[in-house]
Every structure is written in structure tokens, then in C-alpha cells.
């Protein structure tokens, strides 16, 4: 049986609660209650103001993560990318080496900081589509000795060879967005963003051309002489690979326009796709004439990829500024 001394009387409990919530009730009690009431009254505005500031800071930081473009705070971008990357780590480790994973995390943070989540997703789509097409006919390509090394997983050299041009364009776009003139080095933010999209579209076009050409190319020709060469030869082109390159370049450009709105017009899609195709053809020319040649050991596949994306971005920037008037 419970002792009555341990059970609070309902009316007394109600009165106590009211006295805690109502300063006037406190002021009508003892002098110590008056001091408590006065302290609560004096502290409450500051406490509420502090709480409101913290709430607004958290809300502002969260909202800034999903800005359309421009500088998103670095620390929140890093934390969110870290969370996303480690959440997707099992999948990403099938696509990246451990070093490639770390460098991709740095790349993702840079892109989210400069172009926000929309620019970030364009690069993520490039990574997934590039990995997907690399796996097409992989066993056959591996048997022929023309498959990507490490099972198709990308390392740091692949990450930066493919995306360094894009990072430069993204940084330039962020500078233009934050400039009072909305320009950077004479070009608008939209032009720099078009260059960013075109750089990644160029690399995806190149990957589609190479991987589809190696898997399904019936007849491959050296771009400089049009003589038949084995699949996988540097500088080789095929009808299947050429068509695939147009598809790859257009996929990323259409996504940037229709899904996330980074490219402002359908004409921009055409420019990015055209730039990616031309740059891919030039990349084949570079591969046939310079890559793996005596005295040019530094002209590695990753260096060629950088020049490839730089050419694609440059063509798009020039056409965006002087043809489309962006």
C-alpha cells in the first residue's frame, strides 16, 4: 500500500505549476520567489533572442547548402559531402580506389562550394554513367588487353585528369556570381557554367566513344590515316564509338538543362554537345600523334584527358559568349 505522504495533492500540484509559469503568482509569494521571478523575467528576452539566433543560423546554413549556385560555406559542404560519401562508400569503392575516393571527396566539396548541389550532381552523373559504360563488354575487353586497369576503378590521376578543367570553370563561375559586374575575366557566370558542363560532357563523350568502340566497334580506323587498326589503339575511331560519343555528350548536357537548370537554354545544350564531340575528335588526333611517342612520356592518358576537357570547355565558352551572347 502506497503511503499518502508520497503522493502529490492534485490541487497543490496545479498551484505549484501555475506559480512556476506565472511571474505574478511568484511575486505574490515570499521575497525569494520575487527574486526568482525577477531573474526569470530579466533573462527570458536574452534567452529567447539567443535561441532565435541559433535557430536562424542553423536554418541559414542548411538553406545555403541547397543554393542554386555561388559560394556555399566550405565547412557545411565538407561535412555534407563526407556524410554522403561514407553513406555511399560500399558502392563508390567499386568505382574508385581508396585514394580516388579521398580525392573525389575533395572534388565534391569544391564543386558543392562553388556551384551548389546542381553542379555537384552533374559531376556525380558523369561518374556513374562513365562507370556504367566502362563495364559494358568488360570481360571481352579484358581478355583482349584493352580494358581499363584496376577493374575500371578510378584513381586520383583519373579524377583530376577528368575534372580539373571543370573545377577551374566552377571556381570562375562562383567569382562571377559574387562579382558586382557579374563577370569574371570578361565572361559571365552562365558562360563559365556552360564551360563546366561542356568539360564533363566532353569527358563522358570520350568515355562513351572509347568503351563502346572497344566493345562493339566492327571496324576501327586511325583518325590520321583512316587505315584499319585493332580496337583499343590510341587515336582509333569507329562508327559505333562516334555515335556513342554524341550520345554521351548530349546526356550530360540535357541533364544540366532539363533537370537541374544549370544550362539556361536548349541552344546551350547544342553548344555543349557540339563542343564535346569536336573535342573528342581532337583527343583522338592527339592520341594518334603524340601519346605513347618517344620523348613524350609525360603525355599520359590523364594529361590527354585534361587537354580534352580543356578544349571542350574552351569551345563552349567561346560559342556561349560570342555566338549565343550569354
C-alpha atoms as a PDB file:
ATOM      1  CA  UNK A   1       0.000   0.000   0.000  1.00  0.00           C
ATOM      2  CA  UNK A   2       1.474   3.373  -1.038  1.00  0.00           C
ATOM      3  CA  UNK A   3       1.986   5.949   1.667  1.00  0.00           C
ATOM      4  CA  UNK A   4      -0.143   9.072   1.281  1.00  0.00           C
ATOM      5  CA  UNK A   5       2.914  11.231   2.035  1.00  0.00           C
ATOM      6  CA  UNK A   6       4.490  10.174  -1.252  1.00  0.00           C
ATOM      7  CA  UNK A   7       1.538  11.241  -3.456  1.00  0.00           C
ATOM      8  CA  UNK A   8       1.318  14.902  -4.526  1.00  0.00           C
ATOM      9  CA  UNK A   9      -2.055  16.519  -3.873  1.00  0.00           C
ATOM     10  CA  UNK A  10      -3.650  17.450  -7.248  1.00  0.00           C
ATOM     11  CA  UNK A  11      -4.663  20.960  -6.233  1.00  0.00           C
ATOM     12  CA  UNK A  12      -1.260  21.691  -4.679  1.00  0.00           C
ATOM     13  CA  UNK A  13       0.495  20.373  -7.763  1.00  0.00           C
ATOM     14  CA  UNK A  14      -1.649  22.551 -10.014  1.00  0.00           C
ATOM     15  CA  UNK A  15      -0.930  25.618  -7.869  1.00  0.00           C
ATOM     16  CA  UNK A  16       2.820  24.920  -7.898  1.00  0.00           C
ATOM     17  CA  UNK A  17       2.899  24.617 -11.686  1.00  0.00           C
ATOM     18  CA  UNK A  18       0.926  27.837 -12.075  1.00  0.00           C
ATOM     19  CA  UNK A  19       3.312  29.632  -9.755  1.00  0.00           C
ATOM     20  CA  UNK A  20       6.284  28.495 -11.811  1.00  0.00           C
ATOM     21  CA  UNK A  21       4.743  29.673 -15.063  1.00  0.00           C
ATOM     22  CA  UNK A  22       3.185  32.924 -13.839  1.00  0.00           C
ATOM     23  CA  UNK A  23       5.601  35.585 -12.531  1.00  0.00           C
ATOM     24  CA  UNK A  24       2.735  37.466 -10.876  1.00  0.00           C
ATOM     25  CA  UNK A  25       1.976  34.392  -8.867  1.00  0.00           C
ATOM     26  CA  UNK A  26       5.586  34.223  -7.785  1.00  0.00           C
ATOM     27  CA  UNK A  27       5.648  37.891  -6.870  1.00  0.00           C
ATOM     28  CA  UNK A  28       2.762  37.394  -4.532  1.00  0.00           C
ATOM     29  CA  UNK A  29       4.692  34.787  -2.548  1.00  0.00           C
ATOM     30  CA  UNK A  30       7.861  35.085  -0.491  1.00  0.00           C
ATOM     31  CA  UNK A  31      10.714  37.504  -1.177  1.00  0.00           C
ATOM     32  CA  UNK A  32      12.870  34.682  -2.526  1.00  0.00           C
ATOM     33  CA  UNK A  33      10.120  33.914  -5.045  1.00  0.00           C
ATOM     34  CA  UNK A  34      10.165  37.559  -6.096  1.00  0.00           C
ATOM     35  CA  UNK A  35      13.889  37.333  -6.779  1.00  0.00           C
ATOM     36  CA  UNK A  36      13.383  34.164  -8.866  1.00  0.00           C
ATOM     37  CA  UNK A  37      10.529  35.764 -10.805  1.00  0.00           C
ATOM     38  CA  UNK A  38      12.560  38.890 -11.442  1.00  0.00           C
ATOM     39  CA  UNK A  39      15.506  36.830 -12.668  1.00  0.00           C
ATOM     40  CA  UNK A  40      13.306  34.797 -14.977  1.00  0.00           C
ATOM     41  CA  UNK A  41      11.692  37.973 -16.306  1.00  0.00           C
ATOM     42  CA  UNK A  42      15.077  39.622 -16.956  1.00  0.00           C
ATOM     43  CA  UNK A  43      16.727  36.584 -18.501  1.00  0.00           C
ATOM     44  CA  UNK A  44      13.920  35.381 -20.738  1.00  0.00           C
ATOM     45  CA  UNK A  45      14.269  38.011 -23.523  1.00  0.00           C
ATOM     46  CA  UNK A  46      18.023  37.366 -23.854  1.00  0.00           C
ATOM     47  CA  UNK A  47      17.489  33.628 -23.760  1.00  0.00           C
ATOM     48  CA  UNK A  48      14.777  33.803 -26.414  1.00  0.00           C
ATOM     49  CA  UNK A  49      16.941  36.074 -28.581  1.00  0.00           C
ATOM     50  CA  UNK A  50      19.882  33.670 -28.287  1.00  0.00           C
ATOM     51  CA  UNK A  51      17.693  30.697 -29.126  1.00  0.00           C
ATOM     52  CA  UNK A  52      16.249  32.510 -32.120  1.00  0.00           C
ATOM     53  CA  UNK A  53      19.751  33.386 -33.369  1.00  0.00           C
ATOM     54  CA  UNK A  54      20.911  29.793 -33.085  1.00  0.00           C
ATOM     55  CA  UNK A  55      17.776  28.612 -34.890  1.00  0.00           C
ATOM     56  CA  UNK A  56      18.263  31.170 -37.663  1.00  0.00           C
ATOM     57  CA  UNK A  57      21.969  30.262 -38.021  1.00  0.00           C
ATOM     58  CA  UNK A  58      21.146  26.566 -38.374  1.00  0.00           C
ATOM     59  CA  UNK A  59      18.331  27.324 -40.825  1.00  0.00           C
ATOM     60  CA  UNK A  60      20.555  29.660 -42.841  1.00  0.00           C
ATOM     61  CA  UNK A  61      23.388  27.128 -43.008  1.00  0.00           C
ATOM     62  CA  UNK A  62      21.009  24.387 -44.104  1.00  0.00           C
ATOM     63  CA  UNK A  63      19.402  26.588 -46.742  1.00  0.00           C
ATOM     64  CA  UNK A  64      22.794  27.683 -48.087  1.00  0.00           C
ATOM     65  CA  UNK A  65      23.650  24.057 -48.808  1.00  0.00           C
ATOM     66  CA  UNK A  66      20.912  23.973 -51.422  1.00  0.00           C
ATOM     67  CA  UNK A  67      21.511  27.308 -53.097  1.00  0.00           C
ATOM     68  CA  UNK A  68      21.306  27.328 -56.878  1.00  0.00           C
ATOM     69  CA  UNK A  69      24.901  28.448 -57.261  1.00  0.00           C
ATOM     70  CA  UNK A  70      27.520  30.753 -55.817  1.00  0.00           C
ATOM     71  CA  UNK A  71      29.623  30.244 -52.758  1.00  0.00           C
ATOM     72  CA  UNK A  72      28.152  27.748 -50.315  1.00  0.00           C
ATOM     73  CA  UNK A  73      30.027  27.707 -46.978  1.00  0.00           C
ATOM     74  CA  UNK A  74      33.015  25.372 -47.129  1.00  0.00           C
ATOM     75  CA  UNK A  75      32.605  23.613 -43.774  1.00  0.00           C
ATOM     76  CA  UNK A  76      28.929  22.641 -44.285  1.00  0.00           C
ATOM     77  CA  UNK A  77      29.812  21.494 -47.821  1.00  0.00           C
ATOM     78  CA  UNK A  78      32.660  19.356 -46.496  1.00  0.00           C
ATOM     79  CA  UNK A  79      30.513  17.832 -43.758  1.00  0.00           C
ATOM     80  CA  UNK A  80      27.636  17.038 -46.117  1.00  0.00           C
ATOM     81  CA  UNK A  81      29.962  15.531 -48.726  1.00  0.00           C
ATOM     82  CA  UNK A  82      31.662  13.452 -46.052  1.00  0.00           C
ATOM     83  CA  UNK A  83      28.277  12.158 -44.907  1.00  0.00           C
ATOM     84  CA  UNK A  84      27.169  11.380 -48.474  1.00  0.00           C
ATOM     85  CA  UNK A  85      30.435   9.756 -49.498  1.00  0.00           C
ATOM     86  CA  UNK A  86      30.639   7.493 -46.471  1.00  0.00           C
ATOM     87  CA  UNK A  87      26.959   6.605 -46.790  1.00  0.00           C
ATOM     88  CA  UNK A  88      27.636   5.510 -50.375  1.00  0.00           C
ATOM     89  CA  UNK A  89      31.090   4.113 -49.651  1.00  0.00           C
ATOM     90  CA  UNK A  90      30.294   0.437 -50.476  1.00  0.00           C
ATOM     91  CA  UNK A  91      29.092   1.451 -53.950  1.00  0.00           C
ATOM     92  CA  UNK A  92      31.773   4.078 -54.520  1.00  0.00           C
ATOM     93  CA  UNK A  93      34.567   1.666 -53.644  1.00  0.00           C
ATOM     94  CA  UNK A  94      33.550  -0.462 -56.617  1.00  0.00           C
ATOM     95  CA  UNK A  95      34.172   2.599 -58.796  1.00  0.00           C
ATOM     96  CA  UNK A  96      37.141   4.246 -57.076  1.00  0.00           C
ATOM     97  CA  UNK A  97      40.412   3.232 -55.480  1.00  0.00           C
ATOM     98  CA  UNK A  98      40.870   4.290 -51.808  1.00  0.00           C
ATOM     99  CA  UNK A  99      42.983   7.240 -52.985  1.00  0.00           C
ATOM    100  CA  UNK A 100      40.440   8.007 -55.692  1.00  0.00           C
ATOM    101  CA  UNK A 101      37.713   8.012 -53.038  1.00  0.00           C
ATOM    102  CA  UNK A 102      39.570  10.611 -50.958  1.00  0.00           C
ATOM    103  CA  UNK A 103      40.305  12.823 -53.965  1.00  0.00           C
ATOM    104  CA  UNK A 104      36.697  12.531 -55.158  1.00  0.00           C
ATOM    105  CA  UNK A 105      35.548  13.712 -51.731  1.00  0.00           C
ATOM    106  CA  UNK A 106      37.759  16.784 -52.111  1.00  0.00           C
ATOM    107  CA  UNK A 107      36.428  17.345 -55.631  1.00  0.00           C
ATOM    108  CA  UNK A 108      32.817  17.014 -54.497  1.00  0.00           C
ATOM    109  CA  UNK A 109      33.381  19.543 -51.714  1.00  0.00           C
ATOM    110  CA  UNK A 110      34.901  22.046 -54.156  1.00  0.00           C
ATOM    111  CA  UNK A 111      32.018  21.681 -56.586  1.00  0.00           C
ATOM    112  CA  UNK A 112      29.329  21.999 -53.902  1.00  0.00           C
ATOM    113  CA  UNK A 113      31.095  25.082 -52.512  1.00  0.00           C
ATOM    114  CA  UNK A 114      31.280  26.798 -55.901  1.00  0.00           C
ATOM    115  CA  UNK A 115      28.193  25.656 -57.837  1.00  0.00           C
ATOM    116  CA  UNK A 116      25.969  24.133 -55.157  1.00  0.00           C
ATOM    117  CA  UNK A 117      24.173  20.818 -55.359  1.00  0.00           C
ATOM    118  CA  UNK A 118      23.195  21.231 -59.020  1.00  0.00           C
ATOM    119  CA  UNK A 119      26.783  21.452 -60.208  1.00  0.00           C
ATOM    120  CA  UNK A 120      27.678  18.591 -57.875  1.00  0.00           C
ATOM    121  CA  UNK A 121      25.046  16.266 -59.327  1.00  0.00           C
ATOM    122  CA  UNK A 122      26.285  16.881 -62.884  1.00  0.00           C
ATOM    123  CA  UNK A 123      29.692  15.505 -61.881  1.00  0.00           C
ATOM    124  CA  UNK A 124      28.134  12.601 -59.960  1.00  0.00           C
ATOM    125  CA  UNK A 125      26.060  11.689 -63.028  1.00  0.00           C
ATOM    126  CA  UNK A 126      29.241  11.761 -65.142  1.00  0.00           C
ATOM    127  CA  UNK A 127      30.921   9.378 -62.688  1.00  0.00           C
ATOM    128  CA  UNK A 128      28.031   6.890 -62.648  1.00  0.00           C
ATOM    129  CA  UNK A 129      27.426   6.937 -66.414  1.00  0.00           C
ATOM    130  CA  UNK A 130      31.146   6.667 -67.112  1.00  0.00           C
ATOM    131  CA  UNK A 131      31.458   3.686 -64.799  1.00  0.00           C
ATOM    132  CA  UNK A 132      28.369   2.072 -66.301  1.00  0.00           C
ATOM    133  CA  UNK A 133      29.648   2.266 -69.884  1.00  0.00           C
ATOM    134  CA  UNK A 134      33.107   1.110 -68.798  1.00  0.00           C
ATOM    135  CA  UNK A 135      31.570  -2.163 -67.593  1.00  0.00           C
ATOM    136  CA  UNK A 136      29.920  -2.901 -70.959  1.00  0.00           C
ATOM    137  CA  UNK A 137      31.674  -5.901 -72.500  1.00  0.00           C
ATOM    138  CA  UNK A 138      34.332  -5.654 -69.819  1.00  0.00           C
ATOM    139  CA  UNK A 139      35.263  -9.331 -69.778  1.00  0.00           C
ATOM    140  CA  UNK A 140      35.863  -9.362 -73.528  1.00  0.00           C
ATOM    141  CA  UNK A 141      37.851  -6.133 -73.381  1.00  0.00           C
ATOM    142  CA  UNK A 142      39.911  -7.522 -70.508  1.00  0.00           C
ATOM    143  CA  UNK A 143      40.632 -10.695 -72.490  1.00  0.00           C
ATOM    144  CA  UNK A 144      41.878  -8.539 -75.381  1.00  0.00           C
ATOM    145  CA  UNK A 145      44.012  -6.463 -73.021  1.00  0.00           C
ATOM    146  CA  UNK A 146      42.194  -3.223 -73.824  1.00  0.00           C
ATOM    147  CA  UNK A 147      40.070  -2.864 -70.664  1.00  0.00           C
ATOM    148  CA  UNK A 148      40.620  -0.122 -68.093  1.00  0.00           C
ATOM    149  CA  UNK A 149      43.088  -1.168 -65.384  1.00  0.00           C
ATOM    150  CA  UNK A 150      42.127  -1.930 -61.782  1.00  0.00           C
ATOM    151  CA  UNK A 151      38.816  -3.365 -62.910  1.00  0.00           C
ATOM    152  CA  UNK A 152      37.730   0.063 -64.160  1.00  0.00           C
ATOM    153  CA  UNK A 153      38.172   1.753 -60.787  1.00  0.00           C
ATOM    154  CA  UNK A 154      39.334   5.372 -60.940  1.00  0.00           C
ATOM    155  CA  UNK A 155      42.346   6.714 -59.045  1.00  0.00           C
ATOM    156  CA  UNK A 156      43.388  10.307 -58.230  1.00  0.00           C
ATOM    157  CA  UNK A 157      45.002  10.755 -61.642  1.00  0.00           C
ATOM    158  CA  UNK A 158      41.704   9.853 -63.313  1.00  0.00           C
ATOM    159  CA  UNK A 159      39.708  12.131 -61.022  1.00  0.00           C
ATOM    160  CA  UNK A 160      41.780  15.228 -61.751  1.00  0.00           C
ATOM    161  CA  UNK A 161      42.523  14.401 -65.370  1.00  0.00           C
ATOM    162  CA  UNK A 162      38.778  14.321 -65.954  1.00  0.00           C
ATOM    163  CA  UNK A 163      37.561  17.101 -63.646  1.00  0.00           C
ATOM    164  CA  UNK A 164      40.337  19.663 -63.144  1.00  0.00           C
ATOM    165  CA  UNK A 165      39.091  21.809 -66.018  1.00  0.00           C
ATOM    166  CA  UNK A 166      35.597  21.598 -64.559  1.00  0.00           C
ATOM    167  CA  UNK A 167      36.829  22.774 -61.152  1.00  0.00           C
ATOM    168  CA  UNK A 168      38.507  25.788 -62.767  1.00  0.00           C
ATOM    169  CA  UNK A 169      35.274  26.681 -64.601  1.00  0.00           C
ATOM    170  CA  UNK A 170      33.209  26.211 -61.444  1.00  0.00           C
ATOM    171  CA  UNK A 171      35.534  28.479 -59.453  1.00  0.00           C
ATOM    172  CA  UNK A 172      35.399  31.118 -62.193  1.00  0.00           C
ATOM    173  CA  UNK A 173      31.584  30.922 -62.243  1.00  0.00           C
ATOM    174  CA  UNK A 174      31.452  31.446 -58.480  1.00  0.00           C
ATOM    175  CA  UNK A 175      33.714  34.502 -58.820  1.00  0.00           C
ATOM    176  CA  UNK A 176      31.424  35.924 -61.495  1.00  0.00           C
ATOM    177  CA  UNK A 177      28.316  35.298 -59.401  1.00  0.00           C
ATOM    178  CA  UNK A 178      29.821  37.149 -56.452  1.00  0.00           C
ATOM    179  CA  UNK A 179      31.208  39.987 -58.563  1.00  0.00           C
ATOM    180  CA  UNK A 180      29.384  43.310 -58.707  1.00  0.00           C
ATOM    181  CA  UNK A 181      29.649  43.187 -62.500  1.00  0.00           C
ATOM    182  CA  UNK A 182      28.529  39.512 -62.634  1.00  0.00           C
ATOM    183  CA  UNK A 183      31.606  38.890 -64.803  1.00  0.00           C
ATOM    184  CA  UNK A 184      34.955  37.209 -64.317  1.00  0.00           C
ATOM    185  CA  UNK A 185      37.806  37.586 -66.807  1.00  0.00           C
ATOM    186  CA  UNK A 186      35.334  39.094 -69.255  1.00  0.00           C
ATOM    187  CA  UNK A 187      32.810  36.240 -69.177  1.00  0.00           C
ATOM    188  CA  UNK A 188      29.504  35.894 -67.353  1.00  0.00           C
ATOM    189  CA  UNK A 189      28.700  33.207 -64.803  1.00  0.00           C
ATOM    190  CA  UNK A 190      26.443  31.450 -67.326  1.00  0.00           C
ATOM    191  CA  UNK A 191      29.308  31.185 -69.800  1.00  0.00           C
ATOM    192  CA  UNK A 192      31.619  29.686 -67.166  1.00  0.00           C
ATOM    193  CA  UNK A 193      28.908  27.251 -66.107  1.00  0.00           C
ATOM    194  CA  UNK A 194      28.420  26.230 -69.747  1.00  0.00           C
ATOM    195  CA  UNK A 195      32.173  25.586 -69.866  1.00  0.00           C
ATOM    196  CA  UNK A 196      31.894  23.471 -66.733  1.00  0.00           C
ATOM    197  CA  UNK A 197      29.094  21.342 -68.183  1.00  0.00           C
ATOM    198  CA  UNK A 198      30.892  21.036 -71.528  1.00  0.00           C
ATOM    199  CA  UNK A 199      34.115  19.888 -69.851  1.00  0.00           C
ATOM    200  CA  UNK A 200      32.369  16.958 -68.163  1.00  0.00           C
ATOM    201  CA  UNK A 201      30.225  16.265 -71.234  1.00  0.00           C
ATOM    202  CA  UNK A 202      33.462  16.091 -73.251  1.00  0.00           C
ATOM    203  CA  UNK A 203      34.984  13.542 -70.902  1.00  0.00           C
ATOM    204  CA  UNK A 204      31.792  11.471 -70.897  1.00  0.00           C
ATOM    205  CA  UNK A 205      31.657  11.630 -74.703  1.00  0.00           C
ATOM    206  CA  UNK A 206      35.247  10.412 -74.813  1.00  0.00           C
ATOM    207  CA  UNK A 207      34.485   7.578 -72.384  1.00  0.00           C
ATOM    208  CA  UNK A 208      31.407   6.511 -74.362  1.00  0.00           C
ATOM    209  CA  UNK A 209      33.367   6.597 -77.627  1.00  0.00           C
ATOM    210  CA  UNK A 210      36.259   4.606 -76.220  1.00  0.00           C
ATOM    211  CA  UNK A 211      34.309   1.972 -74.292  1.00  0.00           C
ATOM    212  CA  UNK A 212      31.565   1.389 -76.862  1.00  0.00           C
ATOM    213  CA  UNK A 213      34.115   1.410 -79.670  1.00  0.00           C
ATOM    214  CA  UNK A 214      36.230  -1.195 -77.894  1.00  0.00           C
ATOM    215  CA  UNK A 215      33.182  -3.336 -77.097  1.00  0.00           C
ATOM    216  CA  UNK A 216      31.176  -3.089 -80.328  1.00  0.00           C
ATOM    217  CA  UNK A 217      33.330  -1.381 -82.950  1.00  0.00           C
ATOM    218  CA  UNK A 218      33.237  -3.612 -86.037  1.00  0.00           C
ATOM    219  CA  UNK A 219      35.861  -1.637 -87.948  1.00  0.00           C
ATOM    220  CA  UNK A 220      38.216   0.853 -86.315  1.00  0.00           C
ATOM    221  CA  UNK A 221      40.341   3.358 -88.230  1.00  0.00           C
ATOM    222  CA  UNK A 222      43.268   5.527 -87.214  1.00  0.00           C
ATOM    223  CA  UNK A 223      41.981   9.091 -87.332  1.00  0.00           C
ATOM    224  CA  UNK A 224      45.120  10.423 -89.055  1.00  0.00           C
ATOM    225  CA  UNK A 225      45.259   7.940 -91.940  1.00  0.00           C
ATOM    226  CA  UNK A 226      41.887   6.150 -91.858  1.00  0.00           C
ATOM    227  CA  UNK A 227      43.783   2.862 -92.040  1.00  0.00           C
ATOM    228  CA  UNK A 228      42.201  -0.086 -90.179  1.00  0.00           C
ATOM    229  CA  UNK A 229      43.757  -0.708 -86.749  1.00  0.00           C
ATOM    230  CA  UNK A 230      42.901  -3.049 -83.869  1.00  0.00           C
ATOM    231  CA  UNK A 231      40.291  -1.967 -81.324  1.00  0.00           C
ATOM    232  CA  UNK A 232      41.801  -0.084 -78.421  1.00  0.00           C
ATOM    233  CA  UNK A 233      44.552   1.567 -80.486  1.00  0.00           C
ATOM    234  CA  UNK A 234      45.292   5.138 -79.380  1.00  0.00           C
ATOM    235  CA  UNK A 235      43.704   7.509 -81.881  1.00  0.00           C
ATOM    236  CA  UNK A 236      41.372   4.877 -83.321  1.00  0.00           C
ATOM    237  CA  UNK A 237      37.779   5.764 -84.194  1.00  0.00           C
ATOM    238  CA  UNK A 238      34.764   3.700 -85.221  1.00  0.00           C
ATOM    239  CA  UNK A 239      31.226   4.424 -86.332  1.00  0.00           C
ATOM    240  CA  UNK A 240      29.812   2.839 -83.187  1.00  0.00           C
ATOM    241  CA  UNK A 241      32.145   4.797 -80.937  1.00  0.00           C
ATOM    242  CA  UNK A 242      31.498   8.057 -82.759  1.00  0.00           C
ATOM    243  CA  UNK A 243      27.731   7.725 -82.375  1.00  0.00           C
ATOM    244  CA  UNK A 244      28.207   6.786 -78.732  1.00  0.00           C
ATOM    245  CA  UNK A 245      30.274   9.928 -78.135  1.00  0.00           C
ATOM    246  CA  UNK A 246      27.388  12.109 -79.354  1.00  0.00           C
ATOM    247  CA  UNK A 247      25.036  10.242 -77.034  1.00  0.00           C
ATOM    248  CA  UNK A 248      27.356  10.619 -74.039  1.00  0.00           C
ATOM    249  CA  UNK A 249      27.914  14.335 -74.575  1.00  0.00           C
ATOM    250  CA  UNK A 250      24.216  15.039 -75.075  1.00  0.00           C
ATOM    251  CA  UNK A 251      23.092  13.058 -72.000  1.00  0.00           C
ATOM    252  CA  UNK A 252      25.020  15.224 -69.566  1.00  0.00           C
ATOM    253  CA  UNK A 253      24.121  18.453 -71.378  1.00  0.00           C
ATOM    254  CA  UNK A 254      20.406  17.588 -71.402  1.00  0.00           C
ATOM    255  CA  UNK A 255      20.513  16.746 -67.696  1.00  0.00           C
ATOM    256  CA  UNK A 256      22.180  20.081 -66.923  1.00  0.00           C
ATOM    257  CA  UNK A 257      19.455  21.895 -68.885  1.00  0.00           C
ATOM    258  CA  UNK A 258      16.233  19.956 -68.292  1.00  0.00           C
ATOM    259  CA  UNK A 259      16.723  18.534 -64.799  1.00  0.00           C
ATOM    260  CA  UNK A 260      18.823  20.973 -62.780  1.00  0.00           C
ATOM    261  CA  UNK A 261      18.693  24.135 -64.898  1.00  0.00           C
ATOM    262  CA  UNK A 262      22.419  24.899 -64.983  1.00  0.00           C
ATOM    263  CA  UNK A 263      22.322  25.404 -68.748  1.00  0.00           C
ATOM    264  CA  UNK A 264      19.754  28.168 -69.414  1.00  0.00           C
ATOM    265  CA  UNK A 265      18.621  27.219 -72.936  1.00  0.00           C
ATOM    266  CA  UNK A 266      18.324  24.359 -75.400  1.00  0.00           C
ATOM    267  CA  UNK A 267      20.855  26.216 -77.540  1.00  0.00           C
ATOM    268  CA  UNK A 268      23.304  25.773 -74.684  1.00  0.00           C
ATOM    269  CA  UNK A 269      22.691  22.016 -74.841  1.00  0.00           C
ATOM    270  CA  UNK A 270      23.571  22.104 -78.530  1.00  0.00           C
ATOM    271  CA  UNK A 271      26.746  24.072 -77.851  1.00  0.00           C
ATOM    272  CA  UNK A 272      27.910  21.742 -75.060  1.00  0.00           C
ATOM    273  CA  UNK A 273      27.159  18.642 -77.152  1.00  0.00           C
ATOM    274  CA  UNK A 274      28.904  20.083 -80.224  1.00  0.00           C
ATOM    275  CA  UNK A 275      31.925  21.127 -78.135  1.00  0.00           C
ATOM    276  CA  UNK A 276      32.178  17.667 -76.580  1.00  0.00           C
ATOM    277  CA  UNK A 277      32.066  15.967 -79.977  1.00  0.00           C
ATOM    278  CA  UNK A 278      34.716  18.213 -81.555  1.00  0.00           C
ATOM    279  CA  UNK A 279      36.973  17.899 -78.506  1.00  0.00           C
ATOM    280  CA  UNK A 280      36.634  14.107 -78.567  1.00  0.00           C
ATOM    281  CA  UNK A 281      37.749  14.032 -82.206  1.00  0.00           C
ATOM    282  CA  UNK A 282      40.711  16.275 -81.356  1.00  0.00           C
ATOM    283  CA  UNK A 283      41.540  13.982 -78.427  1.00  0.00           C
ATOM    284  CA  UNK A 284      41.738  11.054 -80.843  1.00  0.00           C
ATOM    285  CA  UNK A 285      44.077  13.126 -83.025  1.00  0.00           C
ATOM    286  CA  UNK A 286      46.291  13.903 -80.018  1.00  0.00           C
ATOM    287  CA  UNK A 287      46.276  10.233 -79.062  1.00  0.00           C
ATOM    288  CA  UNK A 288      47.351   9.175 -82.555  1.00  0.00           C
ATOM    289  CA  UNK A 289      50.119  11.748 -82.965  1.00  0.00           C
ATOM    290  CA  UNK A 290      51.535  12.443 -79.501  1.00  0.00           C
ATOM    291  CA  UNK A 291      50.547   9.797 -76.987  1.00  0.00           C
ATOM    292  CA  UNK A 292      52.993   6.935 -76.319  1.00  0.00           C
ATOM    293  CA  UNK A 293      55.612   8.532 -78.580  1.00  0.00           C
ATOM    294  CA  UNK A 294      59.357   8.680 -77.892  1.00  0.00           C
ATOM    295  CA  UNK A 295      60.307  11.722 -75.850  1.00  0.00           C
ATOM    296  CA  UNK A 296      56.707  12.327 -74.802  1.00  0.00           C
ATOM    297  CA  UNK A 297      56.428  10.006 -71.843  1.00  0.00           C
ATOM    298  CA  UNK A 298      54.722  12.808 -69.894  1.00  0.00           C
ATOM    299  CA  UNK A 299      51.822  12.723 -72.377  1.00  0.00           C
ATOM    300  CA  UNK A 300      49.909  10.181 -70.332  1.00  0.00           C
ATOM    301  CA  UNK A 301      46.260   9.288 -70.738  1.00  0.00           C
ATOM    302  CA  UNK A 302      45.387  11.596 -67.843  1.00  0.00           C
ATOM    303  CA  UNK A 303      47.244  14.542 -69.421  1.00  0.00           C
ATOM    304  CA  UNK A 304      45.419  13.893 -72.696  1.00  0.00           C
ATOM    305  CA  UNK A 305      42.132  13.821 -70.758  1.00  0.00           C
ATOM    306  CA  UNK A 306      42.939  17.228 -69.280  1.00  0.00           C
ATOM    307  CA  UNK A 307      43.627  18.706 -72.710  1.00  0.00           C
ATOM    308  CA  UNK A 308      40.484  17.029 -73.985  1.00  0.00           C
ATOM    309  CA  UNK A 309      38.262  18.639 -71.354  1.00  0.00           C
ATOM    310  CA  UNK A 310      40.080  21.976 -71.683  1.00  0.00           C
ATOM    311  CA  UNK A 311      39.388  22.032 -75.430  1.00  0.00           C
ATOM    312  CA  UNK A 312      35.729  21.129 -74.910  1.00  0.00           C
ATOM    313  CA  UNK A 313      35.259  23.810 -72.260  1.00  0.00           C
ATOM    314  CA  UNK A 314      37.079  26.427 -74.380  1.00  0.00           C
ATOM    315  CA  UNK A 315      34.900  25.761 -77.427  1.00  0.00           C
ATOM    316  CA  UNK A 316      31.740  26.007 -75.319  1.00  0.00           C
ATOM    317  CA  UNK A 317      32.883  29.198 -73.586  1.00  0.00           C
ATOM    318  CA  UNK A 318      33.736  30.858 -76.909  1.00  0.00           C
ATOM    319  CA  UNK A 319      30.441  29.822 -78.510  1.00  0.00           C
ATOM    320  CA  UNK A 320      28.422  30.732 -75.436  1.00  0.00           C
ATOM    321  CA  UNK A 321      29.918  34.224 -75.314  1.00  0.00           C
ATOM    322  CA  UNK A 322      30.204  35.101 -78.996  1.00  0.00           C
ATOM    323  CA  UNK A 323      27.504  33.006 -80.667  1.00  0.00           C
ATOM    324  CA  UNK A 324      24.783  32.795 -78.017  1.00  0.00           C
ATOM    325  CA  UNK A 325      25.644  36.154 -76.430  1.00  0.00           C
ATOM    326  CA  UNK A 326      25.418  34.779 -72.887  1.00  0.00           C
END
